[in-house]
Amino acid sequence: MAELTFWTGTMDAGKSTLALQTNHNHAARGRVGRIFTSHDRAGEAHISSRLGLTHDALEVMPEFDFWRYTVDTLTQGGRVDYFICDEAQFYTPRQIEALAKIVDELQIDVFCFGILTDFRTQLFPGSARLVELADRTEVLQVEALCWCGKRATHNARTEDGVMVTEGEVIVVGDVEDREADGQPAEVAYEVLCRQHHRRGLTAARAQAVSLAPEPLPFG
């Protein structure tokens, strides 16, 4: 029986790598699939891994209709055995419902990959709907690490090197981006443990604090 599977983890946990590996494994057995993504850091219609792997993909915009796309493909004689859906946190709840319908009605396997919460520690609507509907939700076993060495559980956004907890939910950036001069990028992301996310203590800020001079022993 076909299944809707949701693989999740923080940024830097290897979700896109696993998505590409999953596609490779199924294609190697003669299965025919489609790869989808949304707002990948490599640009529109691409899926990319931080290990350097890339693949062309179909870009999922809010108005994209998975059900209509699939029915049209099958009606025109195309073959579809599975879907690889990367950056699934950016899909709308309705799109997630369409993917579940495709699994149930058309017996097409759907493998979704994405993060659970945004930089405000709130569930993405697409991820929330996946948790509610998926046959299986799997947490990636590769643990991303906070700068302190503890397991990273939260995704932080920085603007000009300063952590922020307000703003637009979808802003494309990468983990620990740096400009050519070595300064923090205008918008970047960093994975943190809960304690340091709560304190707003990024790696750069922690380093600045550790390098601050000790107060003079006066008074």
N, C-alpha and C. Protein backbone atom coordinates (compact mmCIF):
# COMPACT_ATOMS: atom_id res chain seq x y z
N MET A 1 0.84 -1.19 0.00
CA MET A 1 0.00 0.00 0.00
C MET A 1 0.88 1.25 0.00
N ALA A 2 0.46 2.25 -0.74
CA ALA A 2 1.20 3.50 -0.79
C ALA A 2 1.09 4.21 0.56
N GLU A 3 2.11 5.03 0.86
CA GLU A 3 2.14 5.75 2.13
C GLU A 3 2.54 7.20 1.94
N LEU A 4 2.08 8.03 2.86
CA LEU A 4 2.52 9.42 2.97
C LEU A 4 3.48 9.47 4.16
N THR A 5 4.76 9.71 3.88
CA THR A 5 5.79 9.71 4.91
C THR A 5 6.37 11.11 5.04
N PHE A 6 6.55 11.56 6.28
CA PHE A 6 7.11 12.88 6.56
C PHE A 6 8.41 12.71 7.33
N TRP A 7 9.52 13.09 6.69
CA TRP A 7 10.82 13.09 7.33
C TRP A 7 11.13 14.50 7.79
N THR A 8 11.45 14.67 9.08
CA THR A 8 11.65 16.01 9.59
C THR A 8 12.90 16.10 10.47
N GLY A 9 13.38 17.31 10.64
CA GLY A 9 14.55 17.59 11.46
C GLY A 9 14.85 19.07 11.35
N THR A 10 15.79 19.57 12.14
CA THR A 10 16.16 20.97 12.04
C THR A 10 16.92 21.21 10.74
N MET A 11 17.20 22.47 10.45
CA MET A 11 18.10 22.77 9.36
C MET A 11 19.44 22.11 9.65
N ASP A 12 20.15 21.73 8.58
CA ASP A 12 21.47 21.12 8.69
C ASP A 12 21.41 19.66 9.13
N ALA A 13 20.21 19.05 9.14
CA ALA A 13 20.10 17.66 9.57
C ALA A 13 20.15 16.67 8.40
N GLY A 14 20.22 17.18 7.17
CA GLY A 14 20.37 16.30 6.02
C GLY A 14 19.08 15.91 5.32
N LYS A 15 18.05 16.74 5.42
CA LYS A 15 16.75 16.39 4.81
C LYS A 15 16.84 16.34 3.30
N SER A 16 17.45 17.35 2.69
CA SER A 16 17.54 17.36 1.22
C SER A 16 18.45 16.26 0.72
N THR A 17 19.50 15.94 1.47
CA THR A 17 20.36 14.82 1.10
C THR A 17 19.57 13.53 1.09
N LEU A 18 18.76 13.32 2.12
CA LEU A 18 17.94 12.12 2.18
C LEU A 18 16.89 12.10 1.08
N ALA A 19 16.34 13.27 0.74
CA ALA A 19 15.36 13.34 -0.34
C ALA A 19 15.98 12.88 -1.66
N LEU A 20 17.19 13.36 -1.94
CA LEU A 20 17.86 12.97 -3.18
C LEU A 20 18.28 11.51 -3.15
N GLN A 21 18.69 11.02 -1.99
CA GLN A 21 19.05 9.61 -1.87
C GLN A 21 17.82 8.71 -2.07
N THR A 22 16.69 9.14 -1.51
CA THR A 22 15.45 8.38 -1.67
C THR A 22 15.06 8.31 -3.14
N ASN A 23 15.18 9.43 -3.83
CA ASN A 23 14.87 9.43 -5.26
C ASN A 23 15.80 8.49 -6.02
N HIS A 24 17.08 8.54 -5.69
CA HIS A 24 18.06 7.67 -6.36
C HIS A 24 17.72 6.19 -6.14
N ASN A 25 17.39 5.84 -4.91
CA ASN A 25 17.11 4.43 -4.59
C ASN A 25 15.90 3.91 -5.36
N HIS A 26 14.85 4.71 -5.44
CA HIS A 26 13.63 4.27 -6.13
C HIS A 26 13.85 4.25 -7.65
N ALA A 27 14.54 5.28 -8.17
CA ALA A 27 14.79 5.33 -9.62
C ALA A 27 15.67 4.16 -10.05
N ALA A 28 16.61 3.77 -9.17
CA ALA A 28 17.50 2.66 -9.50
C ALA A 28 16.76 1.34 -9.63
N ARG A 29 15.57 1.27 -9.05
CA ARG A 29 14.75 0.05 -9.14
C ARG A 29 13.69 0.16 -10.24
N GLY A 30 13.86 1.15 -11.11
CA GLY A 30 12.96 1.28 -12.25
C GLY A 30 11.68 2.03 -11.97
N ARG A 31 11.56 2.62 -10.78
CA ARG A 31 10.35 3.39 -10.48
C ARG A 31 10.48 4.79 -11.05
N VAL A 32 9.35 5.38 -11.39
CA VAL A 32 9.32 6.71 -12.00
C VAL A 32 8.71 7.70 -11.02
N GLY A 33 9.44 8.75 -10.72
CA GLY A 33 8.96 9.72 -9.74
C GLY A 33 9.00 11.14 -10.24
N ARG A 34 8.53 12.03 -9.40
CA ARG A 34 8.60 13.47 -9.64
C ARG A 34 9.19 14.12 -8.39
N ILE A 35 10.01 15.14 -8.59
CA ILE A 35 10.64 15.84 -7.48
C ILE A 35 10.08 17.26 -7.40
N PHE A 36 9.67 17.64 -6.21
CA PHE A 36 9.11 18.97 -5.97
C PHE A 36 9.90 19.67 -4.87
N THR A 37 9.91 20.98 -4.92
CA THR A 37 10.53 21.76 -3.85
C THR A 37 9.88 23.14 -3.81
N SER A 38 10.26 23.92 -2.79
CA SER A 38 9.72 25.27 -2.66
C SER A 38 10.73 26.13 -1.91
N HIS A 39 11.09 27.25 -2.52
CA HIS A 39 11.99 28.22 -1.87
C HIS A 39 13.33 27.60 -1.47
N ASP A 40 13.88 26.75 -2.33
CA ASP A 40 15.20 26.19 -2.03
C ASP A 40 16.25 27.29 -2.12
N ARG A 41 17.29 27.19 -1.29
CA ARG A 41 18.34 28.22 -1.26
C ARG A 41 19.10 28.31 -2.58
N ALA A 42 19.04 27.24 -3.42
CA ALA A 42 19.76 27.25 -4.70
C ALA A 42 18.98 27.98 -5.79
N GLY A 43 17.74 28.37 -5.48
CA GLY A 43 16.93 29.07 -6.47
C GLY A 43 15.72 28.27 -6.90
N GLU A 44 14.90 28.89 -7.71
CA GLU A 44 13.64 28.27 -8.12
C GLU A 44 13.88 27.00 -8.93
N ALA A 45 13.02 26.01 -8.69
CA ALA A 45 13.02 24.74 -9.44
C ALA A 45 14.30 23.94 -9.27
N HIS A 46 14.92 24.03 -8.09
CA HIS A 46 16.09 23.23 -7.77
C HIS A 46 15.97 22.69 -6.36
N ILE A 47 16.50 21.50 -6.16
CA ILE A 47 16.65 20.94 -4.83
C ILE A 47 18.15 20.78 -4.61
N SER A 48 18.64 21.26 -3.47
CA SER A 48 20.08 21.23 -3.22
C SER A 48 20.36 20.77 -1.80
N SER A 49 21.47 20.06 -1.68
CA SER A 49 21.94 19.60 -0.38
C SER A 49 23.20 20.37 -0.03
N ARG A 50 23.42 20.58 1.26
CA ARG A 50 24.64 21.28 1.68
C ARG A 50 25.89 20.46 1.43
N LEU A 51 25.72 19.17 1.09
CA LEU A 51 26.86 18.35 0.71
C LEU A 51 27.27 18.59 -0.74
N GLY A 52 26.48 19.39 -1.47
CA GLY A 52 26.81 19.72 -2.85
C GLY A 52 25.97 19.02 -3.90
N LEU A 53 25.04 18.16 -3.47
CA LEU A 53 24.17 17.47 -4.41
C LEU A 53 23.05 18.40 -4.87
N THR A 54 22.71 18.34 -6.14
CA THR A 54 21.62 19.16 -6.68
C THR A 54 20.80 18.34 -7.67
N HIS A 55 19.57 18.78 -7.90
CA HIS A 55 18.71 18.11 -8.87
C HIS A 55 17.63 19.09 -9.29
N ASP A 56 17.24 19.01 -10.55
CA ASP A 56 16.11 19.82 -11.02
C ASP A 56 14.84 19.36 -10.32
N ALA A 57 13.92 20.28 -10.12
CA ALA A 57 12.67 19.96 -9.43
C ALA A 57 11.57 20.87 -9.94
N LEU A 58 10.34 20.51 -9.62
CA LEU A 58 9.20 21.36 -9.93
C LEU A 58 8.95 22.28 -8.74
N GLU A 59 8.86 23.57 -9.01
CA GLU A 59 8.65 24.55 -7.94
C GLU A 59 7.18 24.56 -7.52
N VAL A 60 6.96 24.45 -6.21
CA VAL A 60 5.60 24.44 -5.67
C VAL A 60 5.25 25.85 -5.18
N MET A 61 4.39 26.52 -5.90
CA MET A 61 3.86 27.81 -5.48
C MET A 61 2.53 27.59 -4.75
N PRO A 62 2.06 28.59 -4.01
CA PRO A 62 0.82 28.40 -3.23
C PRO A 62 -0.38 27.96 -4.07
N GLU A 63 -0.42 28.33 -5.34
CA GLU A 63 -1.56 27.99 -6.18
C GLU A 63 -1.39 26.64 -6.90
N PHE A 64 -0.26 25.98 -6.72
CA PHE A 64 -0.02 24.71 -7.41
C PHE A 64 -1.00 23.65 -6.92
N ASP A 65 -1.59 22.91 -7.88
CA ASP A 65 -2.60 21.90 -7.57
C ASP A 65 -2.00 20.51 -7.81
N PHE A 66 -1.61 19.84 -6.73
CA PHE A 66 -0.99 18.51 -6.86
C PHE A 66 -1.95 17.50 -7.49
N TRP A 67 -3.21 17.55 -7.07
CA TRP A 67 -4.18 16.58 -7.59
C TRP A 67 -4.37 16.75 -9.09
N ARG A 68 -4.58 17.98 -9.55
CA ARG A 68 -4.79 18.24 -10.97
C ARG A 68 -3.55 17.85 -11.76
N TYR A 69 -2.37 18.20 -11.24
CA TYR A 69 -1.13 17.85 -11.94
C TYR A 69 -1.03 16.34 -12.12
N THR A 70 -1.33 15.59 -11.08
CA THR A 70 -1.19 14.13 -11.14
C THR A 70 -2.20 13.50 -12.08
N VAL A 71 -3.45 13.93 -11.97
CA VAL A 71 -4.49 13.39 -12.84
C VAL A 71 -4.19 13.69 -14.30
N ASP A 72 -3.76 14.92 -14.57
CA ASP A 72 -3.42 15.29 -15.95
C ASP A 72 -2.25 14.44 -16.47
N THR A 73 -1.25 14.22 -15.63
CA THR A 73 -0.10 13.42 -16.04
C THR A 73 -0.51 11.99 -16.39
N LEU A 74 -1.32 11.39 -15.53
CA LEU A 74 -1.77 10.01 -15.76
C LEU A 74 -2.70 9.91 -16.96
N THR A 75 -3.56 10.89 -17.12
CA THR A 75 -4.50 10.89 -18.24
C THR A 75 -3.78 10.98 -19.58
N GLN A 76 -2.66 11.70 -19.58
CA GLN A 76 -1.88 11.86 -20.81
C GLN A 76 -0.91 10.71 -21.04
N GLY A 77 -1.04 9.66 -20.24
CA GLY A 77 -0.22 8.48 -20.45
C GLY A 77 1.07 8.43 -19.67
N GLY A 78 1.30 9.42 -18.80
CA GLY A 78 2.51 9.44 -18.00
C GLY A 78 2.46 8.41 -16.87
N ARG A 79 3.60 8.07 -16.37
CA ARG A 79 3.69 7.12 -15.25
C ARG A 79 4.26 7.83 -14.02
N VAL A 80 3.63 7.62 -12.90
CA VAL A 80 4.11 8.20 -11.65
C VAL A 80 3.99 7.15 -10.55
N ASP A 81 5.12 6.78 -9.97
CA ASP A 81 5.13 5.81 -8.88
C ASP A 81 5.32 6.46 -7.51
N TYR A 82 5.97 7.61 -7.50
CA TYR A 82 6.23 8.26 -6.21
C TYR A 82 6.51 9.74 -6.41
N PHE A 83 6.33 10.49 -5.34
CA PHE A 83 6.67 11.91 -5.29
C PHE A 83 7.74 12.12 -4.22
N ILE A 84 8.72 12.95 -4.54
CA ILE A 84 9.68 13.46 -3.55
C ILE A 84 9.32 14.93 -3.34
N CYS A 85 8.96 15.30 -2.12
CA CYS A 85 8.50 16.67 -1.82
C CYS A 85 9.41 17.30 -0.79
N ASP A 86 10.39 18.07 -1.24
CA ASP A 86 11.32 18.72 -0.32
C ASP A 86 10.78 20.09 0.08
N GLU A 87 11.30 20.61 1.19
CA GLU A 87 10.85 21.90 1.74
C GLU A 87 9.33 21.91 1.92
N ALA A 88 8.81 20.79 2.40
CA ALA A 88 7.35 20.63 2.50
C ALA A 88 6.72 21.55 3.53
N GLN A 89 7.54 22.12 4.41
CA GLN A 89 6.98 23.05 5.39
C GLN A 89 6.37 24.27 4.72
N PHE A 90 6.80 24.57 3.51
CA PHE A 90 6.29 25.74 2.80
C PHE A 90 5.02 25.46 2.00
N TYR A 91 4.59 24.20 1.93
CA TYR A 91 3.37 23.87 1.20
C TYR A 91 2.17 24.32 2.04
N THR A 92 1.06 24.58 1.38
CA THR A 92 -0.15 24.97 2.10
C THR A 92 -0.84 23.73 2.67
N PRO A 93 -1.64 23.88 3.72
CA PRO A 93 -2.39 22.73 4.24
C PRO A 93 -3.23 22.05 3.16
N ARG A 94 -3.81 22.82 2.26
CA ARG A 94 -4.60 22.22 1.19
C ARG A 94 -3.75 21.36 0.27
N GLN A 95 -2.52 21.79 0.01
CA GLN A 95 -1.63 20.99 -0.82
C GLN A 95 -1.25 19.68 -0.11
N ILE A 96 -1.05 19.74 1.19
CA ILE A 96 -0.76 18.52 1.96
C ILE A 96 -1.96 17.57 1.89
N GLU A 97 -3.16 18.11 2.00
CA GLU A 97 -4.37 17.28 1.89
C GLU A 97 -4.46 16.63 0.51
N ALA A 98 -4.06 17.36 -0.53
CA ALA A 98 -4.06 16.80 -1.88
C ALA A 98 -3.05 15.65 -2.00
N LEU A 99 -1.91 15.80 -1.35
CA LEU A 99 -0.92 14.72 -1.37
C LEU A 99 -1.46 13.47 -0.68
N ALA A 100 -2.16 13.65 0.43
CA ALA A 100 -2.76 12.51 1.11
C ALA A 100 -3.81 11.83 0.23
N LYS A 101 -4.56 12.62 -0.51
CA LYS A 101 -5.57 12.08 -1.42
C LYS A 101 -4.91 11.29 -2.54
N ILE A 102 -3.78 11.78 -3.03
CA ILE A 102 -3.05 11.09 -4.09
C ILE A 102 -2.58 9.72 -3.60
N VAL A 103 -2.12 9.65 -2.36
CA VAL A 103 -1.70 8.38 -1.78
C VAL A 103 -2.88 7.42 -1.70
N ASP A 104 -3.99 7.90 -1.16
CA ASP A 104 -5.15 7.04 -0.91
C ASP A 104 -5.87 6.62 -2.19
N GLU A 105 -6.09 7.56 -3.10
CA GLU A 105 -6.91 7.30 -4.27
C GLU A 105 -6.13 6.77 -5.47
N LEU A 106 -4.84 7.16 -5.57
CA LEU A 106 -4.06 6.78 -6.75
C LEU A 106 -2.91 5.83 -6.42
N GLN A 107 -2.73 5.53 -5.13
CA GLN A 107 -1.71 4.59 -4.70
C GLN A 107 -0.31 4.99 -5.18
N ILE A 108 -0.01 6.26 -5.00
CA ILE A 108 1.31 6.81 -5.31
C ILE A 108 2.00 7.15 -3.99
N ASP A 109 3.21 6.64 -3.80
CA ASP A 109 3.96 6.96 -2.58
C ASP A 109 4.38 8.42 -2.58
N VAL A 110 4.25 9.07 -1.42
CA VAL A 110 4.67 10.46 -1.28
C VAL A 110 5.64 10.55 -0.11
N PHE A 111 6.85 11.04 -0.40
CA PHE A 111 7.88 11.22 0.61
C PHE A 111 8.12 12.72 0.80
N CYS A 112 7.76 13.22 1.97
CA CYS A 112 7.90 14.65 2.26
C CYS A 112 9.07 14.89 3.21
N PHE A 113 9.76 16.00 3.01
CA PHE A 113 10.92 16.35 3.83
C PHE A 113 10.80 17.82 4.20
N GLY A 114 10.95 18.12 5.49
CA GLY A 114 10.85 19.52 5.89
C GLY A 114 11.10 19.71 7.37
N ILE A 115 11.16 20.96 7.79
CA ILE A 115 11.34 21.28 9.20
C ILE A 115 9.98 21.54 9.84
N LEU A 116 9.91 21.33 11.13
CA LEU A 116 8.63 21.47 11.84
C LEU A 116 8.29 22.92 12.16
N THR A 117 9.26 23.65 12.75
CA THR A 117 8.96 24.97 13.28
C THR A 117 9.79 26.05 12.61
N ASP A 118 9.26 27.26 12.61
CA ASP A 118 9.96 28.39 12.02
C ASP A 118 10.87 29.05 13.06
N PHE A 119 11.44 30.20 12.69
CA PHE A 119 12.39 30.87 13.57
C PHE A 119 11.74 31.43 14.82
N ARG A 120 10.39 31.44 14.85
CA ARG A 120 9.65 31.90 16.04
C ARG A 120 9.29 30.73 16.95
N THR A 121 9.75 29.53 16.59
CA THR A 121 9.44 28.26 17.27
C THR A 121 7.98 27.87 17.12
N GLN A 122 7.32 28.35 16.07
CA GLN A 122 5.93 27.99 15.80
C GLN A 122 5.86 27.03 14.62
N LEU A 123 4.91 26.09 14.68
CA LEU A 123 4.76 25.12 13.61
C LEU A 123 4.41 25.79 12.29
N PHE A 124 5.09 25.36 11.22
CA PHE A 124 4.66 25.75 9.88
C PHE A 124 3.30 25.10 9.62
N PRO A 125 2.36 25.81 8.98
CA PRO A 125 1.05 25.20 8.68
C PRO A 125 1.17 23.91 7.87
N GLY A 126 2.08 23.88 6.90
CA GLY A 126 2.25 22.67 6.09
C GLY A 126 2.77 21.51 6.91
N SER A 127 3.72 21.77 7.79
CA SER A 127 4.27 20.72 8.65
C SER A 127 3.23 20.23 9.64
N ALA A 128 2.44 21.14 10.19
CA ALA A 128 1.39 20.75 11.13
C ALA A 128 0.40 19.81 10.47
N ARG A 129 0.02 20.12 9.23
CA ARG A 129 -0.95 19.27 8.53
C ARG A 129 -0.31 17.91 8.19
N LEU A 130 0.97 17.90 7.90
CA LEU A 130 1.64 16.63 7.64
C LEU A 130 1.66 15.74 8.87
N VAL A 131 1.94 16.33 10.02
CA VAL A 131 1.93 15.55 11.27
C VAL A 131 0.54 14.95 11.51
N GLU A 132 -0.48 15.71 11.15
CA GLU A 132 -1.86 15.25 11.35
C GLU A 132 -2.26 14.15 10.38
N LEU A 133 -1.71 14.17 9.16
CA LEU A 133 -2.19 13.27 8.11
C LEU A 133 -1.23 12.15 7.71
N ALA A 134 0.05 12.30 7.98
CA ALA A 134 1.03 11.33 7.48
C ALA A 134 0.83 9.95 8.08
N ASP A 135 1.08 8.93 7.26
CA ASP A 135 1.07 7.56 7.78
C ASP A 135 2.22 7.36 8.75
N ARG A 136 3.34 8.01 8.46
CA ARG A 136 4.51 7.92 9.33
C ARG A 136 5.21 9.26 9.38
N THR A 137 5.62 9.68 10.58
CA THR A 137 6.48 10.85 10.75
C THR A 137 7.79 10.37 11.34
N GLU A 138 8.87 10.59 10.62
CA GLU A 138 10.18 10.11 11.04
C GLU A 138 11.11 11.29 11.32
N VAL A 139 11.81 11.23 12.45
CA VAL A 139 12.79 12.26 12.79
C VAL A 139 14.16 11.79 12.33
N LEU A 140 14.84 12.63 11.57
CA LEU A 140 16.16 12.26 11.07
C LEU A 140 17.12 11.98 12.22
N GLN A 141 17.91 10.94 12.08
CA GLN A 141 18.81 10.53 13.15
C GLN A 141 20.12 11.31 13.15
N VAL A 142 20.41 12.02 12.06
CA VAL A 142 21.60 12.87 12.03
C VAL A 142 21.28 14.14 12.80
N GLU A 143 21.97 14.36 13.91
CA GLU A 143 21.66 15.49 14.77
C GLU A 143 22.50 16.71 14.39
N ALA A 144 21.82 17.82 14.11
CA ALA A 144 22.52 19.09 13.97
C ALA A 144 22.90 19.57 15.37
N LEU A 145 24.00 20.28 15.48
CA LEU A 145 24.49 20.69 16.79
C LEU A 145 24.47 22.21 16.94
N CYS A 146 24.09 22.65 18.12
CA CYS A 146 24.20 24.04 18.52
C CYS A 146 25.69 24.38 18.67
N TRP A 147 26.02 25.65 18.67
CA TRP A 147 27.43 26.04 18.82
C TRP A 147 28.02 25.54 20.14
N CYS A 148 27.17 25.29 21.14
CA CYS A 148 27.66 24.83 22.44
C CYS A 148 27.93 23.33 22.46
N GLY A 149 27.53 22.61 21.40
CA GLY A 149 27.76 21.18 21.33
C GLY A 149 26.54 20.34 21.64
N LYS A 150 25.49 20.96 22.21
CA LYS A 150 24.26 20.23 22.49
C LYS A 150 23.46 20.03 21.21
N ARG A 151 22.52 19.07 21.25
CA ARG A 151 21.68 18.82 20.08
C ARG A 151 20.85 20.06 19.76
N ALA A 152 20.90 20.49 18.50
CA ALA A 152 20.11 21.65 18.08
C ALA A 152 18.66 21.24 17.87
N THR A 153 17.76 22.01 18.41
CA THR A 153 16.33 21.72 18.30
C THR A 153 15.53 22.87 17.71
N HIS A 154 16.15 24.05 17.57
CA HIS A 154 15.44 25.23 17.11
C HIS A 154 16.20 25.91 15.97
N ASN A 155 15.43 26.52 15.09
CA ASN A 155 15.99 27.25 13.96
C ASN A 155 15.92 28.74 14.25
N ALA A 156 17.07 29.41 14.21
CA ALA A 156 17.13 30.84 14.50
C ALA A 156 17.41 31.63 13.23
N ARG A 157 16.80 32.79 13.13
CA ARG A 157 17.10 33.70 12.02
C ARG A 157 17.88 34.89 12.56
N THR A 158 18.91 35.29 11.82
CA THR A 158 19.66 36.48 12.19
C THR A 158 19.57 37.50 11.06
N GLU A 159 19.53 38.74 11.44
CA GLU A 159 19.56 39.85 10.49
C GLU A 159 20.72 40.75 10.86
N ASP A 160 21.66 40.86 9.93
CA ASP A 160 22.90 41.60 10.20
C ASP A 160 23.58 41.08 11.46
N GLY A 161 23.51 39.76 11.65
CA GLY A 161 24.20 39.13 12.76
C GLY A 161 23.43 39.11 14.07
N VAL A 162 22.23 39.70 14.10
CA VAL A 162 21.44 39.76 15.33
C VAL A 162 20.23 38.85 15.20
N MET A 163 19.99 38.00 16.19
CA MET A 163 18.86 37.09 16.16
C MET A 163 17.55 37.86 16.28
N VAL A 164 16.57 37.47 15.45
CA VAL A 164 15.25 38.11 15.46
C VAL A 164 14.18 37.05 15.67
N THR A 165 13.05 37.46 16.23
CA THR A 165 11.92 36.55 16.45
C THR A 165 10.64 37.09 15.87
N GLU A 166 10.75 38.13 15.03
CA GLU A 166 9.59 38.69 14.36
C GLU A 166 9.95 38.94 12.90
N GLY A 167 8.91 38.93 12.05
CA GLY A 167 9.13 39.19 10.63
C GLY A 167 8.39 38.20 9.78
N GLU A 168 8.58 38.29 8.46
CA GLU A 168 7.92 37.38 7.53
C GLU A 168 8.41 35.96 7.77
N VAL A 169 7.48 35.01 7.65
CA VAL A 169 7.83 33.62 7.93
C VAL A 169 8.80 33.08 6.89
N ILE A 170 8.57 33.38 5.62
CA ILE A 170 9.41 32.82 4.55
C ILE A 170 10.37 33.89 4.05
N VAL A 171 11.63 33.76 4.43
CA VAL A 171 12.71 34.57 3.91
C VAL A 171 13.86 33.63 3.63
N VAL A 172 14.28 33.55 2.37
CA VAL A 172 15.30 32.58 1.98
C VAL A 172 16.67 33.02 2.48
N GLY A 173 17.37 32.09 3.08
CA GLY A 173 18.75 32.30 3.54
C GLY A 173 19.36 30.94 3.75
N ASP A 174 20.61 30.93 4.22
CA ASP A 174 21.28 29.66 4.46
C ASP A 174 21.89 29.68 5.85
N VAL A 175 22.27 28.49 6.31
CA VAL A 175 22.88 28.38 7.62
C VAL A 175 24.27 29.00 7.60
N GLU A 176 24.49 29.96 8.49
CA GLU A 176 25.80 30.58 8.66
C GLU A 176 26.34 31.17 7.37
N ASP A 177 25.50 31.85 6.60
CA ASP A 177 25.99 32.56 5.42
C ASP A 177 26.96 33.66 5.84
N ARG A 178 27.94 33.92 5.01
CA ARG A 178 28.87 35.01 5.25
C ARG A 178 29.07 35.78 3.95
N GLU A 179 29.20 37.09 4.08
CA GLU A 179 29.51 37.90 2.92
C GLU A 179 30.99 37.74 2.58
N ALA A 180 31.41 38.34 1.47
CA ALA A 180 32.79 38.20 1.03
C ALA A 180 33.78 38.75 2.04
N ASP A 181 33.37 39.77 2.80
CA ASP A 181 34.28 40.36 3.78
C ASP A 181 34.27 39.63 5.12
N GLY A 182 33.54 38.49 5.18
CA GLY A 182 33.53 37.71 6.40
C GLY A 182 32.46 38.12 7.40
N GLN A 183 31.73 39.17 7.09
CA GLN A 183 30.68 39.64 7.99
C GLN A 183 29.42 38.80 7.81
N PRO A 184 28.55 38.74 8.84
CA PRO A 184 27.30 37.98 8.70
C PRO A 184 26.45 38.51 7.55
N ALA A 185 25.77 37.60 6.86
CA ALA A 185 24.88 38.01 5.77
C ALA A 185 23.71 38.81 6.33
N GLU A 186 23.04 39.55 5.49
CA GLU A 186 21.90 40.35 5.94
C GLU A 186 20.85 39.46 6.60
N VAL A 187 20.53 38.33 5.95
CA VAL A 187 19.62 37.34 6.53
C VAL A 187 20.29 35.98 6.48
N ALA A 188 20.40 35.34 7.63
CA ALA A 188 21.01 34.01 7.70
C ALA A 188 20.28 33.20 8.76
N TYR A 189 20.60 31.93 8.82
CA TYR A 189 19.95 31.04 9.79
C TYR A 189 21.01 30.26 10.55
N GLU A 190 20.65 29.88 11.76
CA GLU A 190 21.55 29.12 12.62
C GLU A 190 20.72 28.18 13.47
N VAL A 191 21.22 26.98 13.68
CA VAL A 191 20.50 26.04 14.54
C VAL A 191 21.04 26.15 15.96
N LEU A 192 20.12 26.16 16.93
CA LEU A 192 20.48 26.35 18.34
C LEU A 192 19.75 25.34 19.21
N CYS A 193 20.29 25.08 20.38
CA CYS A 193 19.54 24.32 21.38
C CYS A 193 18.45 25.24 21.95
N ARG A 194 17.49 24.67 22.64
CA ARG A 194 16.38 25.47 23.16
C ARG A 194 16.87 26.58 24.10
N GLN A 195 17.80 26.25 24.95
CA GLN A 195 18.29 27.21 25.94
C GLN A 195 18.86 28.45 25.27
N HIS A 196 19.70 28.25 24.26
CA HIS A 196 20.34 29.40 23.63
C HIS A 196 19.42 30.12 22.66
N HIS A 197 18.44 29.39 22.10
CA HIS A 197 17.43 30.09 21.29
C HIS A 197 16.60 30.99 22.19
N ARG A 198 16.23 30.49 23.35
CA ARG A 198 15.42 31.28 24.29
C ARG A 198 16.17 32.53 24.74
N ARG A 199 17.47 32.40 24.89
CA ARG A 199 18.29 33.54 25.33
C ARG A 199 18.73 34.43 24.17
N GLY A 200 18.50 33.97 22.94
CA GLY A 200 18.95 34.73 21.78
C GLY A 200 20.46 34.74 21.67
N LEU A 201 21.10 33.67 22.14
CA LEU A 201 22.56 33.62 22.18
C LEU A 201 23.09 32.79 21.00
N THR A 202 23.40 33.49 19.92
CA THR A 202 23.96 32.84 18.73
C THR A 202 25.45 32.63 18.92
N ALA A 203 26.06 31.91 17.99
CA ALA A 203 27.50 31.65 18.07
C ALA A 203 28.29 32.96 18.05
N ALA A 204 27.89 33.89 17.17
CA ALA A 204 28.61 35.16 17.07
C ALA A 204 28.48 35.97 18.36
N ARG A 205 27.28 35.99 18.93
CA ARG A 205 27.09 36.74 20.16
C ARG A 205 27.85 36.11 21.32
N ALA A 206 27.85 34.77 21.37
CA ALA A 206 28.58 34.08 22.43
C ALA A 206 30.07 34.37 22.34
N GLN A 207 30.60 34.41 21.11
CA GLN A 207 32.01 34.72 20.94
C GLN A 207 32.31 36.14 21.37
N ALA A 208 31.40 37.08 21.01
CA ALA A 208 31.61 38.48 21.39
C ALA A 208 31.62 38.63 22.91
N VAL A 209 30.72 37.91 23.57
CA VAL A 209 30.66 37.99 25.03
C VAL A 209 31.93 37.42 25.65
N SER A 210 32.42 36.31 25.08
CA SER A 210 33.62 35.67 25.65
C SER A 210 34.86 36.52 25.45
N LEU A 211 34.86 37.37 24.39
CA LEU A 211 36.01 38.23 24.11
C LEU A 211 35.92 39.58 24.79
N ALA A 212 34.78 39.86 25.43
CA ALA A 212 34.61 41.14 26.11
C ALA A 212 35.59 41.23 27.28
N PRO A 213 36.18 42.41 27.50
CA PRO A 213 37.15 42.54 28.59
C PRO A 213 36.49 42.37 29.95
N GLU A 214 37.24 41.81 30.88
CA GLU A 214 36.74 41.66 32.23
C GLU A 214 36.63 43.05 32.89
N PRO A 215 35.58 43.27 33.70
CA PRO A 215 35.45 44.57 34.37
C PRO A 215 36.61 44.80 35.33
N LEU A 216 37.07 46.03 35.41
CA LEU A 216 38.18 46.35 36.30
C LEU A 216 37.74 46.22 37.76
N PRO A 217 38.63 45.77 38.63
CA PRO A 217 38.28 45.54 40.05
C PRO A 217 38.26 46.80 40.86
N PHE A 218 37.49 47.82 40.41
CA PHE A 218 37.40 49.07 41.17
C PHE A 218 36.14 49.08 41.98
N GLY A 219 36.08 49.90 42.98
CA GLY A 219 34.89 50.06 43.79
C GLY A 219 34.78 48.95 44.78
